[in-house]
Amino acid sequence: MASPAYRAQSEDTDVDVDRFLVDLWRRAPAWKKAEMVTRLCRAAEDLALVGLRSRHPSAPLEEIRLRLASLRLDRETMIEVYDWDPLLRGTG
């Protein structure tokens, strides 16, 4: 049971469940944490790609990749590296 002072990270999560998950994370070896973060990043990218594809169904893959990059990078970098101006051509 969690101490009375412990607060869950999210209001919709039971305190005991939250505490269990935090303890599990603390006990995990570094390689496992890195693996979990990598999987979460890939999942987030996959979701972003699905969203981009649904908003731009006829766009070629290269355009989808540029739109994904424009969600991560600032305008100046997009223009310098990819010759893509998000203000003119759009972002996600």
PDB file of N, CA and C in Angstrom:
ATOM      1  N   MET A   1       0.839  -1.189   0.000  1.00  0.00           N
ATOM      2  CA  MET A   1       0.000   0.000   0.000  1.00  0.00           C
ATOM      3  C   MET A   1       0.884   1.252   0.000  1.00  0.00           C
ATOM      4  N   ALA A   2       0.504   2.250  -0.780  1.00  0.00           N
ATOM      5  CA  ALA A   2       1.273   3.480  -0.878  1.00  0.00           C
ATOM      6  C   ALA A   2       1.115   4.315   0.381  1.00  0.00           C
ATOM      7  N   SER A   3       2.132   5.109   0.669  1.00  0.00           N
ATOM      8  CA  SER A   3       2.045   5.985   1.839  1.00  0.00           C
ATOM      9  C   SER A   3       0.974   7.041   1.597  1.00  0.00           C
ATOM     10  N   PRO A   4       0.382   7.579   2.679  1.00  0.00           N
ATOM     11  CA  PRO A   4      -0.686   8.571   2.511  1.00  0.00           C
ATOM     12  C   PRO A   4      -0.238   9.827   1.756  1.00  0.00           C
ATOM     13  N   ALA A   5       1.057  10.133   1.800  1.00  0.00           N
ATOM     14  CA  ALA A   5       1.558  11.332   1.130  1.00  0.00           C
ATOM     15  C   ALA A   5       1.782  11.119  -0.368  1.00  0.00           C
ATOM     16  N   TYR A   6       1.792   9.866  -0.811  1.00  0.00           N
ATOM     17  CA  TYR A   6       2.057   9.573  -2.221  1.00  0.00           C
ATOM     18  C   TYR A   6       0.855   9.948  -3.077  1.00  0.00           C
ATOM     19  N   ARG A   7       1.134  10.641  -4.181  1.00  0.00           N
ATOM     20  CA  ARG A   7       0.077  11.005  -5.145  1.00  0.00           C
ATOM     21  C   ARG A   7       0.360  10.341  -6.474  1.00  0.00           C
ATOM     22  N   ALA A   8      -0.668   9.818  -7.088  1.00  0.00           N
ATOM     23  CA  ALA A   8      -0.522   9.196  -8.406  1.00  0.00           C
ATOM     24  C   ALA A   8      -0.127  10.253  -9.436  1.00  0.00           C
ATOM     25  N   GLN A   9       0.565   9.827 -10.476  1.00  0.00           N
ATOM     26  CA  GLN A   9       0.996  10.743 -11.531  1.00  0.00           C
ATOM     27  C   GLN A   9      -0.171  11.245 -12.372  1.00  0.00           C
ATOM     28  N   SER A  10      -1.261  10.488 -12.371  1.00  0.00           N
ATOM     29  CA  SER A  10      -2.438  10.848 -13.141  1.00  0.00           C
ATOM     30  C   SER A  10      -3.675  10.683 -12.260  1.00  0.00           C
ATOM     31  N   GLU A  11      -4.609  11.585 -12.385  1.00  0.00           N
ATOM     32  CA  GLU A  11      -5.809  11.544 -11.542  1.00  0.00           C
ATOM     33  C   GLU A  11      -6.663  10.308 -11.778  1.00  0.00           C
ATOM     34  N   ASP A  12      -6.568   9.697 -12.965  1.00  0.00           N
ATOM     35  CA  ASP A  12      -7.420   8.546 -13.261  1.00  0.00           C
ATOM     36  C   ASP A  12      -6.742   7.201 -12.959  1.00  0.00           C
ATOM     37  N   THR A  13      -5.620   7.234 -12.257  1.00  0.00           N
ATOM     38  CA  THR A  13      -4.893   6.011 -11.909  1.00  0.00           C
ATOM     39  C   THR A  13      -4.943   5.793 -10.409  1.00  0.00           C
ATOM     40  N   ASP A  14      -5.287   4.580 -10.015  1.00  0.00           N
ATOM     41  CA  ASP A  14      -5.295   4.222  -8.604  1.00  0.00           C
ATOM     42  C   ASP A  14      -3.881   4.398  -8.038  1.00  0.00           C
ATOM     43  N   VAL A  15      -3.787   4.918  -6.834  1.00  0.00           N
ATOM     44  CA  VAL A  15      -2.491   5.196  -6.215  1.00  0.00           C
ATOM     45  C   VAL A  15      -1.649   3.926  -6.097  1.00  0.00           C
ATOM     46  N   ASP A  16      -2.244   2.818  -5.703  1.00  0.00           N
ATOM     47  CA  ASP A  16      -1.480   1.575  -5.559  1.00  0.00           C
ATOM     48  C   ASP A  16      -0.949   1.076  -6.903  1.00  0.00           C
ATOM     49  N   VAL A  17      -1.743   1.208  -7.928  1.00  0.00           N
ATOM     50  CA  VAL A  17      -1.302   0.806  -9.268  1.00  0.00           C
ATOM     51  C   VAL A  17      -0.176   1.717  -9.735  1.00  0.00           C
ATOM     52  N   ASP A  18      -0.326   3.000  -9.521  1.00  0.00           N
ATOM     53  CA  ASP A  18       0.697   3.958  -9.908  1.00  0.00           C
ATOM     54  C   ASP A  18       2.009   3.647  -9.195  1.00  0.00           C
ATOM     55  N   ARG A  19       1.941   3.415  -7.915  1.00  0.00           N
ATOM     56  CA  ARG A  19       3.133   3.108  -7.116  1.00  0.00           C
ATOM     57  C   ARG A  19       3.813   1.840  -7.628  1.00  0.00           C
ATOM     58  N   PHE A  20       3.004   0.820  -7.951  1.00  0.00           N
ATOM     59  CA  PHE A  20       3.537  -0.422  -8.490  1.00  0.00           C
ATOM     60  C   PHE A  20       4.310  -0.159  -9.788  1.00  0.00           C
ATOM     61  N   LEU A  21       3.724   0.648 -10.683  1.00  0.00           N
ATOM     62  CA  LEU A  21       4.370   0.938 -11.960  1.00  0.00           C
ATOM     63  C   LEU A  21       5.650   1.741 -11.781  1.00  0.00           C
ATOM     64  N   VAL A  22       5.638   2.695 -10.861  1.00  0.00           N
ATOM     65  CA  VAL A  22       6.841   3.489 -10.597  1.00  0.00           C
ATOM     66  C   VAL A  22       7.943   2.591 -10.035  1.00  0.00           C
ATOM     67  N   ASP A  23       7.593   1.712  -9.111  1.00  0.00           N
ATOM     68  CA  ASP A  23       8.586   0.792  -8.548  1.00  0.00           C
ATOM     69  C   ASP A  23       9.129  -0.152  -9.626  1.00  0.00           C
ATOM     70  N   LEU A  24       8.260  -0.617 -10.496  1.00  0.00           N
ATOM     71  CA  LEU A  24       8.685  -1.483 -11.593  1.00  0.00           C
ATOM     72  C   LEU A  24       9.693  -0.756 -12.488  1.00  0.00           C
ATOM     73  N   TRP A  25       9.397   0.479 -12.801  1.00  0.00           N
ATOM     74  CA  TRP A  25      10.293   1.296 -13.630  1.00  0.00           C
ATOM     75  C   TRP A  25      11.636   1.495 -12.930  1.00  0.00           C
ATOM     76  N   ARG A  26      11.615   1.779 -11.653  1.00  0.00           N
ATOM     77  CA  ARG A  26      12.867   1.989 -10.898  1.00  0.00           C
ATOM     78  C   ARG A  26      13.737   0.735 -10.870  1.00  0.00           C
ATOM     79  N   ARG A  27      13.116  -0.419 -10.778  1.00  0.00           N
ATOM     80  CA  ARG A  27      13.874  -1.668 -10.688  1.00  0.00           C
ATOM     81  C   ARG A  27      14.357  -2.175 -12.049  1.00  0.00           C
ATOM     82  N   ALA A  28      13.811  -1.659 -13.126  1.00  0.00           N
ATOM     83  CA  ALA A  28      14.186  -2.130 -14.460  1.00  0.00           C
ATOM     84  C   ALA A  28      15.633  -1.738 -14.771  1.00  0.00           C
ATOM     85  N   PRO A  29      16.378  -2.640 -15.410  1.00  0.00           N
ATOM     86  CA  PRO A  29      17.751  -2.293 -15.809  1.00  0.00           C
ATOM     87  C   PRO A  29      17.735  -1.228 -16.910  1.00  0.00           C
ATOM     88  N   ALA A  30      18.833  -0.530 -17.036  1.00  0.00           N
ATOM     89  CA  ALA A  30      18.931   0.573 -18.000  1.00  0.00           C
ATOM     90  C   ALA A  30      18.600   0.118 -19.422  1.00  0.00           C
ATOM     91  N   TRP A  31      19.064  -1.081 -19.812  1.00  0.00           N
ATOM     92  CA  TRP A  31      18.806  -1.541 -21.174  1.00  0.00           C
ATOM     93  C   TRP A  31      17.311  -1.716 -21.419  1.00  0.00           C
ATOM     94  N   LYS A  32      16.581  -2.148 -20.387  1.00  0.00           N
ATOM     95  CA  LYS A  32      15.140  -2.353 -20.526  1.00  0.00           C
ATOM     96  C   LYS A  32      14.415  -1.008 -20.646  1.00  0.00           C
ATOM     97  N   LYS A  33      14.864  -0.030 -19.853  1.00  0.00           N
ATOM     98  CA  LYS A  33      14.268   1.307 -19.947  1.00  0.00           C
ATOM     99  C   LYS A  33      14.504   1.900 -21.333  1.00  0.00           C
ATOM    100  N   ALA A  34      15.724   1.735 -21.847  1.00  0.00           N
ATOM    101  CA  ALA A  34      16.041   2.254 -23.183  1.00  0.00           C
ATOM    102  C   ALA A  34      15.175   1.575 -24.238  1.00  0.00           C
ATOM    103  N   GLU A  35      14.976   0.275 -24.089  1.00  0.00           N
ATOM    104  CA  GLU A  35      14.121  -0.463 -25.023  1.00  0.00           C
ATOM    105  C   GLU A  35      12.680   0.045 -24.971  1.00  0.00           C
ATOM    106  N   MET A  36      12.173   0.293 -23.773  1.00  0.00           N
ATOM    107  CA  MET A  36      10.797   0.785 -23.633  1.00  0.00           C
ATOM    108  C   MET A  36      10.645   2.175 -24.250  1.00  0.00           C
ATOM    109  N   VAL A  37      11.625   3.046 -24.016  1.00  0.00           N
ATOM    110  CA  VAL A  37      11.562   4.397 -24.579  1.00  0.00           C
ATOM    111  C   VAL A  37      11.624   4.329 -26.099  1.00  0.00           C
ATOM    112  N   THR A  38      12.487   3.473 -26.626  1.00  0.00           N
ATOM    113  CA  THR A  38      12.595   3.317 -28.080  1.00  0.00           C
ATOM    114  C   THR A  38      11.271   2.864 -28.674  1.00  0.00           C
ATOM    115  N   ARG A  39      10.635   1.888 -28.036  1.00  0.00           N
ATOM    116  CA  ARG A  39       9.337   1.402 -28.533  1.00  0.00           C
ATOM    117  C   ARG A  39       8.268   2.487 -28.461  1.00  0.00           C
ATOM    118  N   LEU A  40       8.280   3.269 -27.380  1.00  0.00           N
ATOM    119  CA  LEU A  40       7.304   4.356 -27.267  1.00  0.00           C
ATOM    120  C   LEU A  40       7.529   5.416 -28.341  1.00  0.00           C
ATOM    121  N   CYS A  41       8.790   5.728 -28.631  1.00  0.00           N
ATOM    122  CA  CYS A  41       9.094   6.702 -29.680  1.00  0.00           C
ATOM    123  C   CYS A  41       8.636   6.202 -31.042  1.00  0.00           C
ATOM    124  N   ARG A  42       8.879   4.923 -31.313  1.00  0.00           N
ATOM    125  CA  ARG A  42       8.431   4.347 -32.589  1.00  0.00           C
ATOM    126  C   ARG A  42       6.909   4.351 -32.692  1.00  0.00           C
ATOM    127  N   ALA A  43       6.251   4.035 -31.595  1.00  0.00           N
ATOM    128  CA  ALA A  43       4.787   4.042 -31.603  1.00  0.00           C
ATOM    129  C   ALA A  43       4.256   5.451 -31.850  1.00  0.00           C
ATOM    130  N   ALA A  44       4.883   6.451 -31.221  1.00  0.00           N
ATOM    131  CA  ALA A  44       4.459   7.842 -31.429  1.00  0.00           C
ATOM    132  C   ALA A  44       4.663   8.256 -32.883  1.00  0.00           C
ATOM    133  N   GLU A  45       5.780   7.847 -33.466  1.00  0.00           N
ATOM    134  CA  GLU A  45       6.029   8.169 -34.870  1.00  0.00           C
ATOM    135  C   GLU A  45       5.021   7.468 -35.775  1.00  0.00           C
ATOM    136  N   ASP A  46       4.725   6.220 -35.484  1.00  0.00           N
ATOM    137  CA  ASP A  46       3.729   5.495 -36.275  1.00  0.00           C
ATOM    138  C   ASP A  46       2.368   6.182 -36.214  1.00  0.00           C
ATOM    139  N   LEU A  47       1.981   6.632 -35.029  1.00  0.00           N
ATOM    140  CA  LEU A  47       0.706   7.347 -34.893  1.00  0.00           C
ATOM    141  C   LEU A  47       0.720   8.660 -35.667  1.00  0.00           C
ATOM    142  N   ALA A  48       1.840   9.367 -35.608  1.00  0.00           N
ATOM    143  CA  ALA A  48       1.953  10.620 -36.365  1.00  0.00           C
ATOM    144  C   ALA A  48       1.835  10.350 -37.863  1.00  0.00           C
ATOM    145  N   LEU A  49       2.469   9.285 -38.334  1.00  0.00           N
ATOM    146  CA  LEU A  49       2.390   8.939 -39.757  1.00  0.00           C
ATOM    147  C   LEU A  49       0.971   8.574 -40.166  1.00  0.00           C
ATOM    148  N   VAL A  50       0.257   7.857 -39.323  1.00  0.00           N
ATOM    149  CA  VAL A  50      -1.138   7.514 -39.610  1.00  0.00           C
ATOM    150  C   VAL A  50      -1.971   8.795 -39.718  1.00  0.00           C
ATOM    151  N   GLY A  51      -1.747   9.721 -38.792  1.00  0.00           N
ATOM    152  CA  GLY A  51      -2.466  10.989 -38.835  1.00  0.00           C
ATOM    153  C   GLY A  51      -2.151  11.787 -40.087  1.00  0.00           C
ATOM    154  N   LEU A  52      -0.877  11.835 -40.455  1.00  0.00           N
ATOM    155  CA  LEU A  52      -0.490  12.551 -41.671  1.00  0.00           C
ATOM    156  C   LEU A  52      -1.103  11.911 -42.908  1.00  0.00           C
ATOM    157  N   ARG A  53      -1.073  10.588 -42.955  1.00  0.00           N
ATOM    158  CA  ARG A  53      -1.635   9.890 -44.109  1.00  0.00           C
ATOM    159  C   ARG A  53      -3.147  10.118 -44.208  1.00  0.00           C
ATOM    160  N   SER A  54      -3.820  10.194 -43.050  1.00  0.00           N
ATOM    161  CA  SER A  54      -5.269  10.419 -43.097  1.00  0.00           C
ATOM    162  C   SER A  54      -5.600  11.848 -43.528  1.00  0.00           C
ATOM    163  N   ARG A  55      -4.737  12.803 -43.198  1.00  0.00           N
ATOM    164  CA  ARG A  55      -4.968  14.196 -43.605  1.00  0.00           C
ATOM    165  C   ARG A  55      -4.519  14.474 -45.035  1.00  0.00           C
ATOM    166  N   HIS A  56      -3.593  13.654 -45.529  1.00  0.00           N
ATOM    167  CA  HIS A  56      -3.046  13.854 -46.879  1.00  0.00           C
ATOM    168  C   HIS A  56      -3.006  12.507 -47.605  1.00  0.00           C
ATOM    169  N   PRO A  57      -4.159  11.931 -47.904  1.00  0.00           N
ATOM    170  CA  PRO A  57      -4.204  10.563 -48.441  1.00  0.00           C
ATOM    171  C   PRO A  57      -3.536  10.381 -49.801  1.00  0.00           C
ATOM    172  N   SER A  58      -3.468  11.423 -50.594  1.00  0.00           N
ATOM    173  CA  SER A  58      -2.865  11.263 -51.924  1.00  0.00           C
ATOM    174  C   SER A  58      -1.404  11.716 -51.968  1.00  0.00           C
ATOM    175  N   ALA A  59      -0.872  12.147 -50.846  1.00  0.00           N
ATOM    176  CA  ALA A  59       0.514  12.624 -50.819  1.00  0.00           C
ATOM    177  C   ALA A  59       1.481  11.457 -50.973  1.00  0.00           C
ATOM    178  N   PRO A  60       2.539  11.652 -51.754  1.00  0.00           N
ATOM    179  CA  PRO A  60       3.558  10.599 -51.880  1.00  0.00           C
ATOM    180  C   PRO A  60       4.320  10.435 -50.556  1.00  0.00           C
ATOM    181  N   LEU A  61       4.974   9.301 -50.406  1.00  0.00           N
ATOM    182  CA  LEU A  61       5.685   8.992 -49.167  1.00  0.00           C
ATOM    183  C   LEU A  61       6.708  10.061 -48.812  1.00  0.00           C
ATOM    184  N   GLU A  62       7.427  10.579 -49.787  1.00  0.00           N
ATOM    185  CA  GLU A  62       8.435  11.611 -49.511  1.00  0.00           C
ATOM    186  C   GLU A  62       7.798  12.851 -48.889  1.00  0.00           C
ATOM    187  N   GLU A  63       6.637  13.250 -49.383  1.00  0.00           N
ATOM    188  CA  GLU A  63       5.942  14.399 -48.803  1.00  0.00           C
ATOM    189  C   GLU A  63       5.503  14.105 -47.367  1.00  0.00           C
ATOM    190  N   ILE A  64       5.016  12.905 -47.125  1.00  0.00           N
ATOM    191  CA  ILE A  64       4.611  12.529 -45.770  1.00  0.00           C
ATOM    192  C   ILE A  64       5.815  12.607 -44.830  1.00  0.00           C
ATOM    193  N   ARG A  65       6.956  12.137 -45.294  1.00  0.00           N
ATOM    194  CA  ARG A  65       8.173  12.208 -44.472  1.00  0.00           C
ATOM    195  C   ARG A  65       8.584  13.646 -44.200  1.00  0.00           C
ATOM    196  N   LEU A  66       8.452  14.511 -45.191  1.00  0.00           N
ATOM    197  CA  LEU A  66       8.769  15.925 -44.992  1.00  0.00           C
ATOM    198  C   LEU A  66       7.799  16.564 -43.998  1.00  0.00           C
ATOM    199  N   ARG A  67       6.540  16.222 -44.097  1.00  0.00           N
ATOM    200  CA  ARG A  67       5.561  16.752 -43.153  1.00  0.00           C
ATOM    201  C   ARG A  67       5.853  16.263 -41.734  1.00  0.00           C
ATOM    202  N   LEU A  68       6.272  15.013 -41.609  1.00  0.00           N
ATOM    203  CA  LEU A  68       6.655  14.501 -40.297  1.00  0.00           C
ATOM    204  C   LEU A  68       7.856  15.272 -39.757  1.00  0.00           C
ATOM    205  N   ALA A  69       8.842  15.485 -40.585  1.00  0.00           N
ATOM    206  CA  ALA A  69      10.020  16.246 -40.160  1.00  0.00           C
ATOM    207  C   ALA A  69       9.627  17.659 -39.745  1.00  0.00           C
ATOM    208  N   SER A  70       8.667  18.252 -40.458  1.00  0.00           N
ATOM    209  CA  SER A  70       8.259  19.631 -40.141  1.00  0.00           C
ATOM    210  C   SER A  70       7.549  19.736 -38.798  1.00  0.00           C
ATOM    211  N   LEU A  71       7.077  18.601 -38.282  1.00  0.00           N
ATOM    212  CA  LEU A  71       6.476  18.608 -36.945  1.00  0.00           C
ATOM    213  C   LEU A  71       7.553  18.629 -35.857  1.00  0.00           C
ATOM    214  N   ARG A  72       8.756  18.229 -36.212  1.00  0.00           N
ATOM    215  CA  ARG A  72       9.853  18.126 -35.241  1.00  0.00           C
ATOM    216  C   ARG A  72      10.858  19.269 -35.330  1.00  0.00           C
ATOM    217  N   LEU A  73      11.041  19.776 -36.536  1.00  0.00           N
ATOM    218  CA  LEU A  73      12.109  20.746 -36.767  1.00  0.00           C
ATOM    219  C   LEU A  73      11.555  22.150 -36.963  1.00  0.00           C
ATOM    220  N   ASP A  74      12.377  23.135 -36.666  1.00  0.00           N
ATOM    221  CA  ASP A  74      11.950  24.519 -36.867  1.00  0.00           C
ATOM    222  C   ASP A  74      11.985  24.861 -38.361  1.00  0.00           C
ATOM    223  N   ARG A  75      11.333  25.944 -38.694  1.00  0.00           N
ATOM    224  CA  ARG A  75      11.170  26.352 -40.099  1.00  0.00           C
ATOM    225  C   ARG A  75      12.521  26.545 -40.799  1.00  0.00           C
ATOM    226  N   GLU A  76      13.448  27.220 -40.141  1.00  0.00           N
ATOM    227  CA  GLU A  76      14.744  27.504 -40.755  1.00  0.00           C
ATOM    228  C   GLU A  76      15.487  26.208 -41.104  1.00  0.00           C
ATOM    229  N   THR A  77      15.437  25.244 -40.215  1.00  0.00           N
ATOM    230  CA  THR A  77      16.099  23.960 -40.478  1.00  0.00           C
ATOM    231  C   THR A  77      15.422  23.235 -41.630  1.00  0.00           C
ATOM    232  N   MET A  78      14.098  23.257 -41.664  1.00  0.00           N
ATOM    233  CA  MET A  78      13.372  22.605 -42.762  1.00  0.00           C
ATOM    234  C   MET A  78      13.765  23.209 -44.110  1.00  0.00           C
ATOM    235  N   ILE A  79      13.886  24.518 -44.154  1.00  0.00           N
ATOM    236  CA  ILE A  79      14.254  25.183 -45.413  1.00  0.00           C
ATOM    237  C   ILE A  79      15.698  24.861 -45.774  1.00  0.00           C
ATOM    238  N   GLU A  80      16.598  24.955 -44.806  1.00  0.00           N
ATOM    239  CA  GLU A  80      18.020  24.737 -45.071  1.00  0.00           C
ATOM    240  C   GLU A  80      18.324  23.285 -45.462  1.00  0.00           C
ATOM    241  N   VAL A  81      17.762  22.350 -44.735  1.00  0.00           N
ATOM    242  CA  VAL A  81      18.107  20.942 -44.948  1.00  0.00           C
ATOM    243  C   VAL A  81      17.264  20.296 -46.048  1.00  0.00           C
ATOM    244  N   TYR A  82      15.970  20.614 -46.082  1.00  0.00           N
ATOM    245  CA  TYR A  82      15.055  19.909 -46.984  1.00  0.00           C
ATOM    246  C   TYR A  82      14.480  20.788 -48.100  1.00  0.00           C
ATOM    247  N   ASP A  83      14.797  22.092 -48.083  1.00  0.00           N
ATOM    248  CA  ASP A  83      14.217  23.024 -49.045  1.00  0.00           C
ATOM    249  C   ASP A  83      12.690  22.941 -49.001  1.00  0.00           C
ATOM    250  N   TRP A  84      12.151  22.865 -47.782  1.00  0.00           N
ATOM    251  CA  TRP A  84      10.703  22.743 -47.546  1.00  0.00           C
ATOM    252  C   TRP A  84      10.320  23.848 -46.577  1.00  0.00           C
ATOM    253  N   ASP A  85       9.504  24.785 -47.038  1.00  0.00           N
ATOM    254  CA  ASP A  85       9.039  25.860 -46.163  1.00  0.00           C
ATOM    255  C   ASP A  85       7.661  25.485 -45.628  1.00  0.00           C
ATOM    256  N   PRO A  86       7.588  25.150 -44.346  1.00  0.00           N
ATOM    257  CA  PRO A  86       6.298  24.743 -43.770  1.00  0.00           C
ATOM    258  C   PRO A  86       5.214  25.816 -43.873  1.00  0.00           C
ATOM    259  N   LEU A  87       5.601  27.085 -43.912  1.00  0.00           N
ATOM    260  CA  LEU A  87       4.593  28.140 -44.047  1.00  0.00           C
ATOM    261  C   LEU A  87       3.961  28.135 -45.436  1.00  0.00           C
ATOM    262  N   LEU A  88       4.728  27.756 -46.447  1.00  0.00           N
ATOM    263  CA  LEU A  88       4.208  27.739 -47.814  1.00  0.00           C
ATOM    264  C   LEU A  88       3.619  26.382 -48.203  1.00  0.00           C
ATOM    265  N   ARG A  89       4.262  25.313 -47.748  1.00  0.00           N
ATOM    266  CA  ARG A  89       3.856  23.976 -48.190  1.00  0.00           C
ATOM    267  C   ARG A  89       3.071  23.203 -47.141  1.00  0.00           C
ATOM    268  N   GLY A  90       3.094  23.694 -45.933  1.00  0.00           N
ATOM    269  CA  GLY A  90       2.326  23.060 -44.877  1.00  0.00           C
ATOM    270  C   GLY A  90       3.146  22.128 -43.993  1.00  0.00           C
ATOM    271  N   THR A  91       2.592  21.872 -42.833  1.00  0.00           N
ATOM    272  CA  THR A  91       3.168  20.912 -41.896  1.00  0.00           C
ATOM    273  C   THR A  91       2.233  19.724 -41.878  1.00  0.00           C
ATOM    274  N   GLY A  92       2.170  19.073 -40.730  1.00  0.00           N
ATOM    275  CA  GLY A  92       1.280  17.928 -40.583  1.00  0.00           C
ATOM    276  C   GLY A  92      -0.130  18.260 -40.935  1.00  0.00           C
TER     277      GLY A  92
END
